[in-house]
C-alpha cells in the first residue's frame, strides 16, 4: 500500500465499529490512526493486525459484509506484509546502502556484487570479499565503481580466481577423494558419546567444493551434542586434513568411522592432535599447581 495513512484511517473505522474491548472509546481518533500508521511499518504488528481482523470476521454471519468490509482490509494488509518481508529479506553490505545482488561462495571466500542506485557520488556498484568464522564476518578488498561493466568484470574475475585457488588446494591435498557413506560408519547413536572419536560428517552438509572424504573426517573435541543422550547439538571438532577447529551439529554426523575404513593418515593426524592437547593440558595443570 503506497499511502499508509489512508489505509490506517480505513482500519481505524473498521476496528472502532467492531471494538468489543472498548479500546477506541476514549482515545482521540487522530492518536489511534497515528498508532495504526506506525503499526503498518512493523512486520510483527501487521501480522498481529491481520489476526485481529480475522478473529473479528469469524463472528460475522453476513458473507456480503465480509466481502465488502473485511476482505479488502486483509488483502491490503497482506500486500503490506509482503512489502515488509521483501525489505527485511534484503541483504545489505554492513550499514551501507549497498544491496547484495549476487553472492558466490567458493572455498573460504564469498564474492559479493552489490548495488546502491542512490549513492550520492554515482559509485553505485560494489565488489568485495566476505569471510566468516564462528564469531564474526569480515569484508575485505572492497571496491566501488560507477561503471557496471567494470564492476561485474571485477566480480567474475574474483570468482574465477577463487575457483583456481580451490583447484590448487584439491590438487595439492594428495588425499583420496572418495566420499564416506553410512556403510563406512557405525550408526550415529544418540545414546552413545562420540567425544574423542573420529567421525565422518555427512557429505551433503558440506558445500559442493568440499564434498570429499578427506574433508569429511573430523576428530570430535567436546560440545553438548557429542555427549550421550544430550539435548544439545553442538559438536566441536578438528578437521583431520588440515587441523582446523570447527563446529558441526550432531545431526550433521554420519557416524564413527569403522576401523577397517579409517585411513592411516587420518589416524596419525588424530594421534598428533591428541598428543598436542595432552601437552597443553599438562602445562596448564603445572601452571595452576605453581600458583
Foldseek 3Di string as FASTA:
>chain_A
DVDLLVLLLLLLVVCVVQPPPCPPVPDDPVVSSVVSSVLLLPLVSLVVSLVVLVVSVVPDPDVVCCVVRVPVSNVVSVVSNVVNVVVVPWDADPPDQWTWDDWDDAPQKIWTWTARCVPPVQQGIKIWIWGDAPPDIDTPPMDTHNDPVVRVVVRVVVVVVSVVVLVVVVVPLPDAFDADALVQADALALQAACQQFWFFFDLVVDDPSQSGRQQRTWGWHDDQSRHHPGPFFWTWTARLSPRDIGIDGSVRTSHGGDPVPDDPSSVVSSVVVVVVVVVVVVVVVVVVVVD
